[in-house]
Protein backbone atom coordinates (compact mmCIF):
# COMPACT_ATOMS: atom_id res chain seq x y z
CA UNK A 1 113.72 89.98 126.34
CA UNK A 2 114.01 90.05 130.09
CA UNK A 3 112.90 87.06 132.12
CA UNK A 4 110.73 89.07 134.48
CA UNK A 5 108.57 90.33 131.60
CA UNK A 6 107.77 86.92 130.08
CA UNK A 7 104.33 86.84 131.66
CA UNK A 8 103.33 89.99 129.73
CA UNK A 9 103.58 88.35 126.28
CA UNK A 10 100.17 88.44 124.63
CA UNK A 11 100.95 87.19 121.11
CA UNK A 12 102.25 83.78 120.01
CA UNK A 13 104.68 85.19 117.43
CA UNK A 14 103.09 83.29 114.52
CA UNK A 15 101.39 85.19 111.72
CA UNK A 16 99.25 83.99 108.82
CA UNK A 17 98.61 85.86 105.59
CA UNK A 18 95.40 87.81 105.25
CA UNK A 19 92.36 85.66 104.29
CA UNK A 20 94.47 82.50 104.50
CA UNK A 21 91.86 80.24 106.05
CA UNK A 22 89.06 81.54 103.85
CA UNK A 23 90.95 80.86 100.60
CA UNK A 24 92.78 77.67 101.67
CA UNK A 25 90.07 75.26 100.51
CA UNK A 26 89.87 76.85 97.08
CA UNK A 27 93.63 76.73 96.55
CA UNK A 28 93.81 73.11 97.70
CA UNK A 29 91.08 71.91 95.35
CA UNK A 30 92.77 73.76 92.45
CA UNK A 31 96.07 71.91 92.99
CA UNK A 32 94.65 68.43 93.63
CA UNK A 33 94.02 67.55 89.95
CA UNK A 34 97.58 68.55 88.99
CA UNK A 35 99.58 65.33 89.23
CA UNK A 36 102.83 66.84 88.06
CA UNK A 37 103.25 68.84 91.29
CA UNK A 38 102.94 65.70 93.45
CA UNK A 39 104.86 63.35 91.13
CA UNK A 40 107.76 65.75 90.73
CA UNK A 41 108.66 65.32 94.40
CA UNK A 42 111.08 62.39 94.57
CA UNK A 43 112.74 62.96 97.92
CA UNK A 44 111.47 64.08 101.29
CA UNK A 45 114.10 66.76 101.63
CA UNK A 46 115.68 65.20 104.67
CA UNK A 47 119.21 63.79 104.52
CA UNK A 48 121.37 62.16 107.13
CA UNK A 49 125.05 62.99 107.17
CA UNK A 50 127.51 60.45 105.82
CA UNK A 51 128.36 57.69 108.39
CA UNK A 52 125.97 59.27 110.90
CA UNK A 53 124.73 56.03 112.45
CA UNK A 54 128.28 54.63 112.64
CA UNK A 55 129.64 57.58 114.59
CA UNK A 56 126.66 58.75 116.64
CA UNK A 57 127.37 56.43 119.57
CA UNK A 58 131.00 57.54 119.83
CA UNK A 59 129.97 61.20 119.66
CA UNK A 60 127.40 60.81 122.42
CA UNK A 61 129.80 58.98 124.73
CA UNK A 62 132.55 61.50 124.09
CA UNK A 63 130.26 64.31 125.24
CA UNK A 64 129.33 62.44 128.37
CA UNK A 65 132.02 62.78 130.97
CA UNK A 66 132.83 60.28 133.65
CA UNK A 67 133.40 63.05 136.16
CA UNK A 68 130.76 62.68 138.81
CA UNK A 69 129.62 65.92 140.24
CA UNK A 70 128.50 66.03 143.86
CA UNK A 71 124.77 65.89 144.45
CA UNK A 72 123.54 68.42 146.95
CA UNK A 73 120.19 67.69 148.49
CA UNK A 74 118.04 70.76 148.86
CA UNK A 75 116.03 69.44 151.76
CA UNK A 76 116.11 66.28 153.77
CA UNK A 77 113.32 64.45 155.47
CA UNK A 78 115.24 64.43 158.73
CA UNK A 79 114.94 68.16 159.17
CA UNK A 80 111.25 68.00 158.29
CA UNK A 81 110.69 65.36 160.98
CA UNK A 82 112.58 67.43 163.55
CA UNK A 83 110.56 70.54 162.79
CA UNK A 84 107.28 68.61 162.78
CA UNK A 85 108.17 67.00 166.13
CA UNK A 86 108.98 70.34 167.73
CA UNK A 87 105.76 71.86 166.39
CA UNK A 88 103.68 68.94 167.66
CA UNK A 89 105.25 69.08 171.12
CA UNK A 90 104.65 72.83 171.38
CA UNK A 91 101.05 72.33 170.33
CA UNK A 92 100.64 69.63 172.95
CA UNK A 93 102.14 71.85 175.67
CA UNK A 94 99.83 74.72 174.78
CA UNK A 95 96.82 72.42 174.77
CA UNK A 96 97.66 70.95 178.18
CA UNK A 97 98.52 74.15 180.00
CA UNK A 98 95.83 76.39 178.52
CA UNK A 99 92.99 73.95 179.10
CA UNK A 100 94.09 72.95 182.62
CA UNK A 101 92.56 76.06 184.26
CA UNK A 102 89.02 75.41 183.05
CA UNK A 103 88.39 72.24 185.04
CA UNK A 104 85.98 72.47 187.96
CA UNK A 105 85.45 70.01 190.74
CA UNK A 106 82.12 68.30 190.91
CA UNK A 107 80.54 68.90 194.27
CA UNK A 108 77.72 67.13 196.01
CA UNK A 109 75.55 70.25 195.84
CA UNK A 110 75.93 70.43 192.06
CA UNK A 111 74.81 66.81 191.71
CA UNK A 112 71.86 67.37 194.04
CA UNK A 113 70.79 70.49 192.12
CA UNK A 114 71.05 68.66 188.80
CA UNK A 115 69.03 65.69 189.99
CA UNK A 116 66.49 68.02 191.65
CA UNK A 117 65.97 70.05 188.48
CA UNK A 118 65.63 67.03 186.20
CA UNK A 119 62.35 65.22 185.99
CA UNK A 120 63.64 61.76 186.81
CA UNK A 121 61.44 59.10 188.20
CA UNK A 122 62.70 56.49 190.64
CA UNK A 123 63.40 53.91 187.91
CA UNK A 124 65.61 56.28 185.91
CA UNK A 125 67.44 57.34 189.06
CA UNK A 126 68.00 53.70 190.03
CA UNK A 127 69.36 53.00 186.55
CA UNK A 128 71.82 55.87 186.85
CA UNK A 129 72.98 54.68 190.23
CA UNK A 130 73.33 51.05 189.19
CA UNK A 131 75.59 52.03 186.27
CA UNK A 132 78.12 53.75 188.50
CA UNK A 133 80.48 52.27 191.02
CA UNK A 134 79.32 54.61 193.76
CA UNK A 135 77.12 52.00 195.38
CA UNK A 136 79.95 49.72 196.39
CA UNK A 137 83.06 51.80 196.93
CA UNK A 138 82.13 55.22 198.26
CA UNK A 139 79.25 54.57 200.62
CA UNK A 140 79.93 53.50 204.18
CA UNK A 141 77.49 51.01 205.57
CA UNK A 142 77.12 51.42 209.30
CA UNK A 143 76.51 48.44 211.48
CA UNK A 144 73.63 48.57 213.88
CA UNK A 145 73.05 46.71 217.04
CA UNK A 146 69.63 45.61 215.87
CA UNK A 147 69.00 42.03 215.02
CA UNK A 148 67.55 41.27 211.60
CA UNK A 149 64.54 39.46 213.05
CA UNK A 150 63.67 42.36 215.34
CA UNK A 151 63.94 44.84 212.49
CA UNK A 152 61.69 42.77 210.24
CA UNK A 153 59.00 42.41 212.91
CA UNK A 154 59.16 46.15 213.66
CA UNK A 155 58.65 47.05 210.00
CA UNK A 156 55.77 44.63 209.62
CA UNK A 157 53.99 45.98 212.70
CA UNK A 158 54.57 49.74 212.24
CA UNK A 159 54.59 50.33 208.49
CA UNK A 160 51.77 50.65 206.04
CA UNK A 161 52.07 48.03 203.30
CA UNK A 162 50.17 50.15 200.76
CA UNK A 163 52.66 53.04 201.08
CA UNK A 164 55.57 50.64 200.59
CA UNK A 165 54.01 49.11 197.48
CA UNK A 166 53.38 52.50 195.88
């Protein structure tokens, strides 16, 4: 039988006589009362050869040879690691260079449009600004020639307190 056709085998190769399982119980119960058939069996039918257990060890060791044959590894982990490293580096390069073109710079107009379109009250806007570092680093505070006392008196005289409190 060819090796390539082994998967086509449908039968197990074992056959039982016709009506074997239907008549098995009847035949068994007929033979159970007969003691002579069971008593007549004195041996199991199995025999060991003469001096088998004395010579088995020598026979086994004689068949084993001390000649060591070279072991050839089919695949090594080193090559797997090299291939995996090359694949990971190529994937990283593709990810970096393909995604680098999609970045856009954030302009002042975009921020103004976003904040203008959102319904943010002054408290939410102040919370957003206090969380960022823009207040300290990026804003330039200009120095004025006005004295602090003069500015305070001007605001008290010319401003409406109710509009400031609202």
